[in-house]
Amino acid sequence: MLKRRLKSFKYAGAGIADLFKHTPNAKIHLAAAILCVFFGIYFSITSLEWCIIIIAISMVIVAEAINTAIEYLTDLVTKDYHELAKKTKDMAAGAVLLAAIGAICIACFIFLPKILTIF
């Protein structure tokens, strides 16, 4: 039982590694997350602000992982152009975009006032 649980972590780790190795947008999201962590440390944000930033980062990366999984599965099902396959991929990509826009809004609410106090 424990061995199977540990293997599931190994498979999950392989999926995460694949996401950041083969998905250019995931690398962009990771860079943005690192930048937010840097700003969070630099500006000594509150525990509540950290929680909100972590939720926003997680939301975007999870959305990107689900989008990538949907794209892989869609490509497995059909290599030919199909309108429903296109709609499926577009919808999943749109979900990532919405998550990213939400995360950008959160980052602006938290960091812009702090950045503006510098100038």
N, C-alpha and C. Protein backbone atom coordinates (compact mmCIF):
# COMPACT_ATOMS: atom_id res chain seq x y z
N MET A 1 0.83 -1.20 0.00
CA MET A 1 0.00 0.00 0.00
C MET A 1 0.87 1.26 0.00
N LEU A 2 1.85 1.33 0.91
CA LEU A 2 2.74 2.48 0.98
C LEU A 2 3.56 2.61 -0.29
N LYS A 3 3.98 1.47 -0.83
CA LYS A 3 4.77 1.47 -2.06
C LYS A 3 3.98 2.08 -3.22
N ARG A 4 2.69 1.74 -3.30
CA ARG A 4 1.85 2.30 -4.36
C ARG A 4 1.67 3.81 -4.17
N ARG A 5 1.52 4.24 -2.93
CA ARG A 5 1.38 5.67 -2.66
C ARG A 5 2.63 6.42 -3.08
N LEU A 6 3.78 5.87 -2.75
CA LEU A 6 5.04 6.52 -3.13
C LEU A 6 5.20 6.56 -4.64
N LYS A 7 4.76 5.49 -5.33
CA LYS A 7 4.82 5.49 -6.80
C LYS A 7 3.92 6.58 -7.39
N SER A 8 2.78 6.81 -6.75
CA SER A 8 1.87 7.85 -7.27
C SER A 8 2.54 9.22 -7.20
N PHE A 9 3.34 9.45 -6.16
CA PHE A 9 4.09 10.71 -6.08
C PHE A 9 5.13 10.78 -7.19
N LYS A 10 5.74 9.65 -7.50
CA LYS A 10 6.73 9.60 -8.58
C LYS A 10 6.07 9.95 -9.92
N TYR A 11 4.89 9.38 -10.17
CA TYR A 11 4.18 9.67 -11.42
C TYR A 11 3.75 11.14 -11.49
N ALA A 12 3.28 11.66 -10.36
CA ALA A 12 2.89 13.07 -10.32
C ALA A 12 4.10 13.96 -10.58
N GLY A 13 5.23 13.62 -9.99
CA GLY A 13 6.47 14.38 -10.23
C GLY A 13 6.88 14.34 -11.69
N ALA A 14 6.70 13.18 -12.32
CA ALA A 14 7.02 13.06 -13.74
C ALA A 14 6.10 13.97 -14.57
N GLY A 15 4.84 14.05 -14.17
CA GLY A 15 3.91 14.93 -14.88
C GLY A 15 4.28 16.40 -14.74
N ILE A 16 4.67 16.78 -13.53
CA ILE A 16 5.09 18.16 -13.28
C ILE A 16 6.36 18.49 -14.06
N ALA A 17 7.31 17.55 -14.07
CA ALA A 17 8.55 17.75 -14.83
C ALA A 17 8.25 17.90 -16.31
N ASP A 18 7.35 17.07 -16.83
CA ASP A 18 6.96 17.14 -18.24
C ASP A 18 6.32 18.49 -18.54
N LEU A 19 5.48 18.96 -17.64
CA LEU A 19 4.81 20.24 -17.83
C LEU A 19 5.82 21.36 -18.04
N PHE A 20 6.81 21.45 -17.15
CA PHE A 20 7.77 22.55 -17.23
C PHE A 20 8.84 22.32 -18.29
N LYS A 21 9.05 21.08 -18.69
CA LYS A 21 10.05 20.79 -19.72
C LYS A 21 9.51 21.02 -21.13
N HIS A 22 8.24 20.68 -21.35
CA HIS A 22 7.70 20.67 -22.71
C HIS A 22 6.62 21.72 -22.99
N THR A 23 6.28 22.53 -22.00
CA THR A 23 5.20 23.51 -22.21
C THR A 23 5.76 24.91 -22.02
N PRO A 24 5.98 25.62 -23.13
CA PRO A 24 6.57 26.97 -23.03
C PRO A 24 5.79 27.92 -22.12
N ASN A 25 4.46 27.88 -22.18
CA ASN A 25 3.67 28.78 -21.34
C ASN A 25 3.84 28.47 -19.86
N ALA A 26 4.05 27.20 -19.52
CA ALA A 26 4.28 26.84 -18.12
C ALA A 26 5.57 27.48 -17.61
N LYS A 27 6.55 27.57 -18.48
CA LYS A 27 7.82 28.22 -18.10
C LYS A 27 7.59 29.71 -17.84
N ILE A 28 6.74 30.32 -18.65
CA ILE A 28 6.41 31.74 -18.45
C ILE A 28 5.68 31.92 -17.12
N HIS A 29 4.72 31.04 -16.84
CA HIS A 29 3.99 31.11 -15.58
C HIS A 29 4.92 30.90 -14.39
N LEU A 30 5.87 29.98 -14.54
CA LEU A 30 6.84 29.73 -13.46
C LEU A 30 7.71 30.96 -13.23
N ALA A 31 8.15 31.61 -14.30
CA ALA A 31 8.95 32.83 -14.17
C ALA A 31 8.15 33.93 -13.47
N ALA A 32 6.88 34.06 -13.83
CA ALA A 32 6.03 35.06 -13.17
C ALA A 32 5.85 34.73 -11.69
N ALA A 33 5.71 33.44 -11.38
CA ALA A 33 5.56 33.01 -9.99
C ALA A 33 6.82 33.34 -9.19
N ILE A 34 7.97 33.08 -9.78
CA ILE A 34 9.24 33.38 -9.11
C ILE A 34 9.36 34.89 -8.87
N LEU A 35 8.96 35.68 -9.86
CA LEU A 35 8.97 37.14 -9.71
C LEU A 35 8.06 37.59 -8.57
N CYS A 36 6.88 36.99 -8.48
CA CYS A 36 5.96 37.33 -7.39
C CYS A 36 6.54 36.95 -6.03
N VAL A 37 7.18 35.80 -5.96
CA VAL A 37 7.82 35.40 -4.70
C VAL A 37 8.93 36.38 -4.33
N PHE A 38 9.72 36.78 -5.32
CA PHE A 38 10.77 37.77 -5.08
C PHE A 38 10.17 39.06 -4.53
N PHE A 39 9.12 39.57 -5.21
CA PHE A 39 8.47 40.80 -4.76
C PHE A 39 7.86 40.61 -3.36
N GLY A 40 7.30 39.44 -3.11
CA GLY A 40 6.71 39.17 -1.80
C GLY A 40 7.74 39.24 -0.69
N ILE A 41 8.92 38.67 -0.97
CA ILE A 41 10.00 38.73 0.02
C ILE A 41 10.52 40.16 0.15
N TYR A 42 10.73 40.82 -0.98
CA TYR A 42 11.27 42.19 -0.98
C TYR A 42 10.37 43.14 -0.20
N PHE A 43 9.05 43.03 -0.43
CA PHE A 43 8.11 43.95 0.21
C PHE A 43 7.58 43.43 1.54
N SER A 44 8.06 42.29 1.98
CA SER A 44 7.61 41.70 3.26
C SER A 44 6.09 41.67 3.36
N ILE A 45 5.45 41.04 2.38
CA ILE A 45 3.99 41.01 2.37
C ILE A 45 3.47 40.21 3.57
N THR A 46 2.23 40.45 3.92
CA THR A 46 1.61 39.82 5.09
C THR A 46 1.31 38.35 4.81
N SER A 47 0.99 37.63 5.87
CA SER A 47 0.62 36.21 5.73
C SER A 47 -0.61 36.05 4.84
N LEU A 48 -1.57 36.92 5.01
CA LEU A 48 -2.77 36.86 4.17
C LEU A 48 -2.42 37.11 2.71
N GLU A 49 -1.57 38.10 2.45
CA GLU A 49 -1.15 38.37 1.07
C GLU A 49 -0.40 37.17 0.50
N TRP A 50 0.45 36.53 1.32
CA TRP A 50 1.15 35.32 0.85
C TRP A 50 0.15 34.23 0.47
N CYS A 51 -0.86 34.05 1.30
CA CYS A 51 -1.88 33.02 1.00
C CYS A 51 -2.57 33.31 -0.32
N ILE A 52 -2.92 34.55 -0.54
CA ILE A 52 -3.60 34.93 -1.79
C ILE A 52 -2.67 34.73 -2.98
N ILE A 53 -1.41 35.12 -2.85
CA ILE A 53 -0.43 34.95 -3.94
C ILE A 53 -0.23 33.46 -4.24
N ILE A 54 -0.11 32.64 -3.19
CA ILE A 54 0.08 31.20 -3.39
C ILE A 54 -1.12 30.57 -4.07
N ILE A 55 -2.31 30.98 -3.68
CA ILE A 55 -3.52 30.48 -4.34
C ILE A 55 -3.53 30.89 -5.81
N ALA A 56 -3.18 32.13 -6.10
CA ALA A 56 -3.17 32.61 -7.49
C ALA A 56 -2.14 31.86 -8.33
N ILE A 57 -0.94 31.68 -7.78
CA ILE A 57 0.10 30.93 -8.50
C ILE A 57 -0.36 29.50 -8.75
N SER A 58 -0.90 28.88 -7.72
CA SER A 58 -1.37 27.49 -7.86
C SER A 58 -2.48 27.40 -8.89
N MET A 59 -3.40 28.35 -8.86
CA MET A 59 -4.52 28.35 -9.80
C MET A 59 -4.02 28.36 -11.25
N VAL A 60 -3.05 29.19 -11.53
CA VAL A 60 -2.54 29.31 -12.90
C VAL A 60 -1.78 28.04 -13.31
N ILE A 61 -0.94 27.53 -12.44
CA ILE A 61 -0.14 26.36 -12.80
C ILE A 61 -1.02 25.12 -12.92
N VAL A 62 -2.01 24.98 -12.05
CA VAL A 62 -2.95 23.86 -12.16
C VAL A 62 -3.75 23.98 -13.46
N ALA A 63 -4.21 25.18 -13.79
CA ALA A 63 -4.95 25.37 -15.05
C ALA A 63 -4.07 25.00 -16.24
N GLU A 64 -2.80 25.39 -16.21
CA GLU A 64 -1.89 25.06 -17.31
C GLU A 64 -1.66 23.55 -17.40
N ALA A 65 -1.56 22.89 -16.25
CA ALA A 65 -1.37 21.43 -16.25
C ALA A 65 -2.61 20.73 -16.83
N ILE A 66 -3.79 21.17 -16.42
CA ILE A 66 -5.02 20.58 -16.95
C ILE A 66 -5.13 20.85 -18.44
N ASN A 67 -4.81 22.07 -18.86
CA ASN A 67 -4.82 22.41 -20.29
C ASN A 67 -3.89 21.48 -21.07
N THR A 68 -2.70 21.28 -20.56
CA THR A 68 -1.73 20.42 -21.24
C THR A 68 -2.24 18.98 -21.32
N ALA A 69 -2.83 18.50 -20.23
CA ALA A 69 -3.39 17.14 -20.22
C ALA A 69 -4.51 17.01 -21.26
N ILE A 70 -5.35 18.02 -21.34
CA ILE A 70 -6.44 18.01 -22.33
C ILE A 70 -5.86 18.02 -23.75
N GLU A 71 -4.83 18.81 -23.97
CA GLU A 71 -4.20 18.85 -25.30
C GLU A 71 -3.60 17.49 -25.65
N TYR A 72 -2.88 16.88 -24.70
CA TYR A 72 -2.31 15.54 -24.94
C TYR A 72 -3.40 14.53 -25.28
N LEU A 73 -4.47 14.53 -24.49
CA LEU A 73 -5.54 13.57 -24.71
C LEU A 73 -6.24 13.82 -26.05
N THR A 74 -6.47 15.07 -26.37
CA THR A 74 -7.11 15.40 -27.65
C THR A 74 -6.24 14.95 -28.81
N ASP A 75 -4.93 15.17 -28.72
CA ASP A 75 -4.02 14.73 -29.77
C ASP A 75 -3.98 13.20 -29.88
N LEU A 76 -4.16 12.52 -28.76
CA LEU A 76 -4.20 11.06 -28.78
C LEU A 76 -5.44 10.55 -29.49
N VAL A 77 -6.55 11.22 -29.26
CA VAL A 77 -7.83 10.80 -29.83
C VAL A 77 -7.88 11.05 -31.33
N THR A 78 -7.38 12.20 -31.78
CA THR A 78 -7.42 12.51 -33.21
C THR A 78 -6.24 13.37 -33.62
N LYS A 79 -5.61 12.98 -34.70
CA LYS A 79 -4.55 13.80 -35.29
C LYS A 79 -5.14 14.70 -36.37
N ASP A 80 -6.32 14.34 -36.85
CA ASP A 80 -6.99 15.11 -37.89
C ASP A 80 -7.68 16.33 -37.27
N TYR A 81 -7.90 17.35 -38.13
CA TYR A 81 -8.64 18.51 -37.66
C TYR A 81 -10.08 18.11 -37.41
N HIS A 82 -10.57 18.50 -36.27
CA HIS A 82 -11.98 18.29 -35.94
C HIS A 82 -12.44 19.51 -35.15
N GLU A 83 -13.59 20.03 -35.50
CA GLU A 83 -14.09 21.25 -34.85
C GLU A 83 -14.23 21.08 -33.34
N LEU A 84 -14.69 19.92 -32.89
CA LEU A 84 -14.83 19.71 -31.44
C LEU A 84 -13.47 19.62 -30.75
N ALA A 85 -12.48 19.05 -31.42
CA ALA A 85 -11.13 19.01 -30.85
C ALA A 85 -10.59 20.43 -30.71
N LYS A 86 -10.83 21.25 -31.72
CA LYS A 86 -10.40 22.65 -31.66
C LYS A 86 -11.09 23.38 -30.52
N LYS A 87 -12.40 23.20 -30.41
CA LYS A 87 -13.14 23.86 -29.34
C LYS A 87 -12.66 23.40 -27.96
N THR A 88 -12.36 22.12 -27.85
CA THR A 88 -11.86 21.58 -26.57
C THR A 88 -10.54 22.24 -26.19
N LYS A 89 -9.61 22.30 -27.14
CA LYS A 89 -8.32 22.93 -26.86
C LYS A 89 -8.46 24.42 -26.59
N ASP A 90 -9.30 25.09 -27.36
CA ASP A 90 -9.51 26.53 -27.17
C ASP A 90 -10.13 26.82 -25.80
N MET A 91 -11.07 26.00 -25.38
CA MET A 91 -11.72 26.19 -24.09
C MET A 91 -10.72 26.02 -22.96
N ALA A 92 -9.89 24.98 -23.05
CA ALA A 92 -8.88 24.73 -22.01
C ALA A 92 -7.86 25.87 -21.97
N ALA A 93 -7.44 26.35 -23.15
CA ALA A 93 -6.50 27.47 -23.19
C ALA A 93 -7.15 28.73 -22.64
N GLY A 94 -8.42 28.92 -22.92
CA GLY A 94 -9.15 30.07 -22.38
C GLY A 94 -9.22 30.04 -20.86
N ALA A 95 -9.36 28.85 -20.30
CA ALA A 95 -9.39 28.71 -18.84
C ALA A 95 -8.05 29.16 -18.23
N VAL A 96 -6.96 28.80 -18.89
CA VAL A 96 -5.64 29.24 -18.41
C VAL A 96 -5.53 30.76 -18.49
N LEU A 97 -5.99 31.32 -19.59
CA LEU A 97 -5.93 32.77 -19.75
C LEU A 97 -6.74 33.48 -18.66
N LEU A 98 -7.92 32.97 -18.37
CA LEU A 98 -8.73 33.58 -17.31
C LEU A 98 -8.04 33.48 -15.95
N ALA A 99 -7.43 32.33 -15.67
CA ALA A 99 -6.69 32.17 -14.41
C ALA A 99 -5.53 33.15 -14.35
N ALA A 100 -4.82 33.29 -15.47
CA ALA A 100 -3.67 34.20 -15.51
C ALA A 100 -4.10 35.65 -15.33
N ILE A 101 -5.20 36.04 -15.96
CA ILE A 101 -5.71 37.40 -15.79
C ILE A 101 -6.09 37.64 -14.33
N GLY A 102 -6.73 36.67 -13.71
CA GLY A 102 -7.07 36.80 -12.30
C GLY A 102 -5.83 36.95 -11.44
N ALA A 103 -4.79 36.16 -11.74
CA ALA A 103 -3.55 36.23 -10.98
C ALA A 103 -2.86 37.58 -11.17
N ILE A 104 -2.89 38.10 -12.38
CA ILE A 104 -2.31 39.42 -12.65
C ILE A 104 -3.05 40.49 -11.85
N CYS A 105 -4.37 40.40 -11.81
CA CYS A 105 -5.15 41.38 -11.03
C CYS A 105 -4.77 41.30 -9.55
N ILE A 106 -4.64 40.09 -9.03
CA ILE A 106 -4.24 39.92 -7.63
C ILE A 106 -2.87 40.53 -7.39
N ALA A 107 -1.92 40.23 -8.28
CA ALA A 107 -0.57 40.77 -8.13
C ALA A 107 -0.59 42.29 -8.17
N CYS A 108 -1.39 42.86 -9.05
CA CYS A 108 -1.48 44.33 -9.13
C CYS A 108 -2.05 44.92 -7.84
N PHE A 109 -3.10 44.31 -7.31
CA PHE A 109 -3.70 44.81 -6.06
C PHE A 109 -2.71 44.76 -4.91
N ILE A 110 -1.90 43.70 -4.87
CA ILE A 110 -0.98 43.54 -3.75
C ILE A 110 0.30 44.36 -3.95
N PHE A 111 0.88 44.32 -5.15
CA PHE A 111 2.21 44.89 -5.34
C PHE A 111 2.24 46.33 -5.85
N LEU A 112 1.27 46.74 -6.64
CA LEU A 112 1.32 48.11 -7.18
C LEU A 112 1.38 49.19 -6.10
N PRO A 113 0.54 49.12 -5.07
CA PRO A 113 0.66 50.16 -4.03
C PRO A 113 2.04 50.18 -3.38
N LYS A 114 2.64 49.02 -3.22
CA LYS A 114 3.96 48.95 -2.61
C LYS A 114 5.04 49.48 -3.56
N ILE A 115 4.90 49.18 -4.84
CA ILE A 115 5.85 49.68 -5.84
C ILE A 115 5.73 51.19 -5.97
N LEU A 116 4.52 51.71 -5.95
CA LEU A 116 4.30 53.15 -6.10
C LEU A 116 4.85 53.96 -4.94
N THR A 117 4.96 53.35 -3.76
CA THR A 117 5.52 54.07 -2.61
C THR A 117 7.02 54.31 -2.78
N ILE A 118 7.65 53.52 -3.65
CA ILE A 118 9.09 53.69 -3.91
C ILE A 118 9.32 54.95 -4.72
N PHE A 119 8.41 55.25 -5.63
CA PHE A 119 8.61 56.40 -6.54
C PHE A 119 8.03 57.63 -6.00
